[in-house]
Amino acid sequence: MTSATSAHLAIALALAAGCASRASGPQVLSIDDVRVSPVRSGALIADYDRALASIAAIMERDLDLPPVRASLYFYADRDAFRAALEADGYTPAFAADAAATLSGIAGYRRVLLNDATLRWLEWPQRVSFLAHELTHTVQYELSGGRRGSSDQWLREGFGDWVRLAVLDELDITPRDRAREMAIARVRDGARRRPLPPLSDLVTFEDWVAAIQTSGEDPTYAQALLAVELLIDRHGLPVLVEYFRLFAGSDDRAANFRASFGERPAEFEAAFRQHLERLL
């Protein structure tokens, strides 16, 4: 066994045991260090190496997205995760809210993760979560390494759209079944309280606030269905180009019009009609 292999095995064992600590910093796994082959069946995934390799292969090979170039940063608990968000530039108040609400936040070529919430999940659930977060890292790649002002509902909805494609390809959850679940979540959420319009889900702060007031499942499901409608109407390459436009401009309304040929408000009206038919 080479020294590199030994070091990589030590990281994998540490992740499995959940032994990262604030004193020693996060455990880090880079996709560049992954040496296993991707698989086509989720039943064969039982570690983060195989999960990363398989998700990245589907995103690149099947969806024609840019290569995944991310590292996973595993923090031991909510406090360590919150501290990492503060160090990454978030205000203390917002870092606390995000750490209490989310299990991970992606950025340029990295995903910060609260391992305390992940280590108890079954591997299909971890694969699902990572597929969504790795899509966010690709969005950063498309926009030249910067987040830009792209709509948060579109970012999150696309993350879930890719997640469904990955789960379907790995025979974990058929896309049709996942879509039915999304419709049911929107329906159930709307019965409890009105879901926020897409125009109220523009920033990351908007998104966290919506999850806290309207619930995580219906908020994500609504965004998924909105992005699905965009892709059905215009195609996946057009949506990918939308994120590329933010490399040169932060005019969100102009970028939306340039990509989809309509104003955000016009699409939202069409989506509301579409949602009424679905529900």
Protein backbone atom coordinates (compact mmCIF):
# COMPACT_ATOMS: atom_id res chain seq x y z
CA MET A 1 0.00 0.00 0.00
CA THR A 2 1.45 3.35 -1.04
CA SER A 3 1.66 6.30 1.34
CA ALA A 4 -0.91 8.16 -0.79
CA THR A 5 -3.31 5.21 -0.58
CA SER A 6 -2.78 4.97 3.17
CA ALA A 7 -3.52 8.66 3.63
CA HIS A 8 -6.64 8.43 1.50
CA LEU A 9 -7.82 5.38 3.46
CA ALA A 10 -7.29 7.27 6.69
CA ILE A 11 -9.53 10.10 5.45
CA ALA A 12 -12.23 7.65 4.40
CA LEU A 13 -12.16 5.90 7.78
CA ALA A 14 -12.34 9.25 9.57
CA LEU A 15 -15.35 10.26 7.53
CA ALA A 16 -17.11 7.00 8.18
CA ALA A 17 -16.51 7.32 11.91
CA GLY A 18 -17.55 10.96 11.95
CA CYS A 19 -14.48 11.88 13.95
CA ALA A 20 -13.78 15.31 12.50
CA SER A 21 -13.31 17.94 15.18
CA ARG A 22 -13.16 21.69 15.33
CA ALA A 23 -9.70 21.42 16.87
CA SER A 24 -8.27 19.53 13.90
CA GLY A 25 -10.35 21.29 11.26
CA PRO A 26 -12.63 19.68 8.68
CA GLN A 27 -12.01 16.39 6.95
CA VAL A 28 -11.54 17.13 3.24
CA LEU A 29 -12.13 14.89 0.26
CA SER A 30 -11.29 16.28 -3.18
CA ILE A 31 -12.66 14.74 -6.35
CA ASP A 32 -9.11 14.98 -7.70
CA ASP A 33 -8.10 12.38 -5.11
CA VAL A 34 -10.79 9.88 -6.09
CA ARG A 35 -9.31 6.83 -7.80
CA VAL A 36 -12.34 4.53 -8.01
CA SER A 37 -14.47 3.97 -11.09
CA PRO A 38 -18.04 5.26 -11.35
CA VAL A 39 -20.91 2.78 -11.16
CA ARG A 40 -24.39 2.73 -12.68
CA SER A 41 -26.15 1.26 -9.66
CA GLY A 42 -26.73 3.05 -6.39
CA ALA A 43 -26.64 -0.33 -4.63
CA LEU A 44 -22.88 -0.39 -5.26
CA ILE A 45 -22.21 2.96 -3.56
CA ALA A 46 -21.07 2.68 0.06
CA ASP A 47 -18.44 5.40 0.37
CA TYR A 48 -17.89 9.02 -0.64
CA ASP A 49 -15.26 8.15 -3.25
CA ARG A 50 -17.67 6.01 -5.24
CA ALA A 51 -20.47 8.51 -4.72
CA LEU A 52 -18.40 11.41 -6.05
CA ALA A 53 -17.12 9.45 -9.04
CA SER A 54 -20.58 8.18 -10.01
CA ILE A 55 -22.41 11.49 -9.59
CA ALA A 56 -19.75 13.39 -11.54
CA ALA A 57 -19.82 10.85 -14.36
CA ILE A 58 -23.59 11.17 -14.78
CA MET A 59 -23.47 14.96 -14.69
CA GLU A 60 -20.70 15.12 -17.30
CA ARG A 61 -21.51 12.14 -19.51
CA ASP A 62 -25.30 12.05 -19.48
CA LEU A 63 -26.19 15.71 -18.87
CA ASP A 64 -23.23 17.30 -20.69
CA LEU A 65 -22.44 19.60 -17.76
CA PRO A 66 -18.95 20.98 -17.06
CA PRO A 67 -16.58 18.70 -15.13
CA VAL A 68 -17.08 18.61 -11.37
CA ARG A 69 -14.01 20.12 -9.67
CA ALA A 70 -15.12 20.23 -6.07
CA SER A 71 -13.88 19.20 -2.64
CA LEU A 72 -16.10 18.14 0.25
CA TYR A 73 -15.41 19.74 3.65
CA PHE A 74 -16.92 17.73 6.49
CA TYR A 75 -17.49 19.62 9.77
CA ALA A 76 -18.17 17.68 12.95
CA ASP A 77 -21.33 19.40 14.12
CA ARG A 78 -23.59 22.42 13.73
CA ASP A 79 -21.28 24.73 15.67
CA ALA A 80 -18.29 23.86 13.52
CA PHE A 81 -20.40 24.22 10.40
CA ARG A 82 -21.66 27.63 11.56
CA ALA A 83 -18.11 28.78 12.31
CA ALA A 84 -17.04 27.70 8.83
CA LEU A 85 -19.83 29.73 7.27
CA GLU A 86 -18.77 32.78 9.26
CA ALA A 87 -15.19 32.28 8.13
CA ASP A 88 -16.49 32.06 4.57
CA GLY A 89 -17.96 35.57 4.86
CA TYR A 90 -21.52 35.08 6.10
CA THR A 91 -22.71 37.31 8.93
CA PRO A 92 -22.92 35.59 12.35
CA ALA A 93 -26.72 35.86 12.41
CA PHE A 94 -27.19 34.44 8.95
CA ALA A 95 -24.55 31.73 9.51
CA ALA A 96 -26.49 30.62 12.60
CA ASP A 97 -29.78 30.54 10.66
CA ALA A 98 -28.24 28.63 7.76
CA ALA A 99 -26.50 26.13 10.03
CA ALA A 100 -29.77 25.49 11.85
CA THR A 101 -31.66 25.01 8.56
CA LEU A 102 -29.26 23.42 6.06
CA SER A 103 -26.91 20.43 6.05
CA GLY A 104 -24.58 21.85 3.43
CA ILE A 105 -23.72 24.94 1.42
CA ALA A 106 -21.83 24.87 -1.87
CA GLY A 107 -19.46 27.47 -3.22
CA TYR A 108 -16.78 27.70 -5.86
CA ARG A 109 -15.19 24.24 -6.07
CA ARG A 110 -16.21 23.31 -2.53
CA VAL A 111 -19.14 22.01 -0.51
CA LEU A 112 -19.23 22.76 3.23
CA LEU A 113 -21.10 20.01 5.09
CA ASN A 114 -22.46 19.37 8.55
CA ASP A 115 -21.35 15.77 9.01
CA ALA A 116 -23.47 15.38 12.14
CA THR A 117 -26.59 15.38 9.96
CA LEU A 118 -25.11 13.27 7.15
CA ARG A 119 -23.43 10.41 8.94
CA TRP A 120 -26.74 8.82 9.98
CA LEU A 121 -28.20 8.85 6.47
CA GLU A 122 -28.37 5.79 4.26
CA TRP A 123 -26.17 6.00 1.18
CA PRO A 124 -29.02 6.65 -1.29
CA GLN A 125 -29.93 9.72 0.79
CA ARG A 126 -26.31 10.90 0.83
CA VAL A 127 -26.04 10.44 -2.94
CA SER A 128 -29.22 12.46 -3.38
CA PHE A 129 -27.92 15.27 -1.21
CA LEU A 130 -24.47 15.37 -2.83
CA ALA A 131 -25.89 15.41 -6.37
CA HIS A 132 -27.80 18.57 -5.50
CA GLU A 133 -24.86 20.30 -3.85
CA LEU A 134 -22.38 19.36 -6.57
CA THR A 135 -24.74 20.93 -9.10
CA HIS A 136 -24.27 24.21 -7.25
CA THR A 137 -20.48 23.93 -7.70
CA VAL A 138 -21.07 23.50 -11.45
CA GLN A 139 -23.20 26.65 -11.44
CA TYR A 140 -20.21 28.51 -10.01
CA GLU A 141 -17.99 27.02 -12.74
CA LEU A 142 -20.41 28.17 -15.42
CA SER A 143 -20.43 31.74 -14.10
CA GLY A 144 -16.65 31.99 -13.96
CA GLY A 145 -16.19 31.13 -10.29
CA ARG A 146 -18.62 33.71 -8.95
CA ARG A 147 -22.15 33.29 -7.71
CA GLY A 148 -23.57 36.29 -9.49
CA SER A 149 -27.19 37.32 -9.00
CA SER A 150 -28.92 34.33 -10.58
CA ASP A 151 -32.28 33.57 -8.99
CA GLN A 152 -32.02 31.27 -6.00
CA TRP A 153 -35.17 29.37 -6.92
CA LEU A 154 -33.60 28.58 -10.27
CA ARG A 155 -30.33 27.51 -8.66
CA GLU A 156 -32.11 25.25 -6.19
CA GLY A 157 -34.61 23.92 -8.68
CA PHE A 158 -31.84 22.99 -11.10
CA GLY A 159 -29.94 21.32 -8.26
CA ASP A 160 -32.97 19.13 -7.63
CA TRP A 161 -33.56 18.53 -11.34
CA VAL A 162 -30.03 17.14 -11.65
CA ARG A 163 -30.51 15.20 -8.41
CA LEU A 164 -33.53 13.44 -9.90
CA ALA A 165 -31.57 12.60 -13.04
CA VAL A 166 -28.78 11.06 -10.94
CA LEU A 167 -31.16 9.03 -8.77
CA ASP A 168 -32.97 7.77 -11.87
CA GLU A 169 -29.74 6.79 -13.62
CA LEU A 170 -28.50 4.94 -10.51
CA ASP A 171 -31.80 3.05 -10.16
CA ILE A 172 -32.39 4.60 -6.75
CA THR A 173 -35.63 6.47 -7.47
CA PRO A 174 -37.41 6.58 -10.87
CA ARG A 175 -37.83 10.14 -12.10
CA ASP A 176 -41.60 9.76 -12.57
CA ARG A 177 -42.02 8.66 -8.97
CA ALA A 178 -39.83 11.51 -7.68
CA ARG A 179 -41.83 14.00 -9.71
CA GLU A 180 -45.10 12.69 -8.26
CA MET A 181 -43.62 13.12 -4.78
CA ALA A 182 -42.69 16.72 -5.61
CA ILE A 183 -46.22 17.52 -6.76
CA ALA A 184 -47.62 15.98 -3.57
CA ARG A 185 -45.24 18.06 -1.44
CA VAL A 186 -46.31 21.27 -3.13
CA ARG A 187 -49.97 20.32 -2.73
CA ASP A 188 -49.54 19.45 0.96
CA GLY A 189 -47.51 22.59 1.63
CA ALA A 190 -50.04 24.85 -0.08
CA ARG A 191 -52.81 23.41 2.09
CA ARG A 192 -50.99 24.59 5.20
CA ARG A 193 -49.95 28.03 3.97
CA PRO A 194 -49.49 29.84 0.64
CA LEU A 195 -46.13 29.09 -0.92
CA PRO A 196 -43.94 32.14 -1.69
CA PRO A 197 -43.94 33.29 -5.32
CA LEU A 198 -40.74 32.81 -7.30
CA SER A 199 -40.20 36.57 -7.17
CA ASP A 200 -39.77 36.22 -3.39
CA LEU A 201 -37.08 33.55 -3.79
CA VAL A 202 -34.38 35.54 -5.54
CA THR A 203 -31.55 35.67 -2.96
CA PHE A 204 -30.06 33.02 -0.71
CA GLU A 205 -31.41 34.92 2.28
CA ASP A 206 -34.87 34.82 0.69
CA TRP A 207 -34.52 31.08 0.28
CA VAL A 208 -33.53 30.34 3.88
CA ALA A 209 -36.38 32.52 5.14
CA ALA A 210 -38.86 30.69 2.91
CA ILE A 211 -37.73 27.30 4.19
CA GLN A 212 -38.19 28.47 7.75
CA THR A 213 -41.71 29.79 7.12
CA SER A 214 -43.12 27.54 4.39
CA GLY A 215 -41.17 24.34 4.97
CA GLU A 216 -38.23 22.76 3.20
CA ASP A 217 -40.01 20.09 1.17
CA PRO A 218 -42.66 22.25 -0.56
CA THR A 219 -40.21 25.10 -1.19
CA TYR A 220 -37.70 22.84 -2.95
CA ALA A 221 -40.44 20.94 -4.77
CA GLN A 222 -41.95 24.14 -6.16
CA ALA A 223 -38.54 25.25 -7.46
CA LEU A 224 -37.99 21.84 -9.05
CA LEU A 225 -41.29 22.01 -10.92
CA ALA A 226 -40.54 25.55 -12.10
CA VAL A 227 -37.15 24.52 -13.50
CA GLU A 228 -38.70 21.44 -15.07
CA LEU A 229 -41.11 23.72 -16.92
CA LEU A 230 -38.25 25.94 -18.10
CA ILE A 231 -36.33 22.94 -19.43
CA ASP A 232 -39.42 21.47 -21.09
CA ARG A 233 -40.05 24.79 -22.85
CA HIS A 234 -36.51 25.76 -23.79
CA GLY A 235 -34.17 22.78 -23.33
CA LEU A 236 -31.32 22.03 -20.94
CA PRO A 237 -28.59 23.82 -22.97
CA VAL A 238 -30.53 27.09 -22.72
CA LEU A 239 -30.74 26.80 -18.95
CA VAL A 240 -27.01 26.06 -18.76
CA GLU A 241 -26.34 29.15 -20.85
CA TYR A 242 -28.39 31.20 -18.35
CA PHE A 243 -25.78 30.52 -15.67
CA ARG A 244 -22.93 31.30 -18.07
CA LEU A 245 -24.30 34.79 -18.66
CA PHE A 246 -23.56 35.72 -15.04
CA ALA A 247 -19.86 35.49 -15.73
CA GLY A 248 -20.19 38.84 -17.50
CA SER A 249 -23.32 40.47 -16.11
CA ASP A 250 -25.31 40.65 -12.88
CA ASP A 251 -28.44 41.94 -14.56
CA ARG A 252 -30.66 39.04 -13.53
CA ALA A 253 -33.75 40.20 -15.43
CA ALA A 254 -31.79 40.82 -18.64
CA ASN A 255 -30.03 37.46 -18.37
CA PHE A 256 -33.36 35.73 -17.86
CA ARG A 257 -34.84 37.44 -20.92
CA ALA A 258 -31.76 36.71 -23.02
CA SER A 259 -31.92 33.02 -22.14
CA PHE A 260 -35.63 32.27 -22.08
CA GLY A 261 -37.14 35.03 -24.22
CA GLU A 262 -39.51 36.30 -21.55
CA ARG A 263 -39.45 38.44 -18.44
CA PRO A 264 -39.30 36.68 -15.04
CA ALA A 265 -42.80 37.95 -14.23
CA GLU A 266 -44.16 36.50 -17.47
CA PHE A 267 -42.67 33.11 -16.71
CA GLU A 268 -43.99 33.19 -13.17
CA ALA A 269 -47.53 33.80 -14.44
CA ALA A 270 -47.17 30.86 -16.82
CA PHE A 271 -45.77 28.70 -14.03
CA ARG A 272 -48.69 29.53 -11.74
CA GLN A 273 -51.10 28.33 -14.42
CA HIS A 274 -48.98 25.20 -14.94
CA LEU A 275 -48.92 24.53 -11.19
CA GLU A 276 -52.69 24.85 -10.94
CA ARG A 277 -53.07 22.21 -13.63
CA LEU A 278 -50.61 19.89 -11.86
CA LEU A 279 -52.33 20.26 -8.51
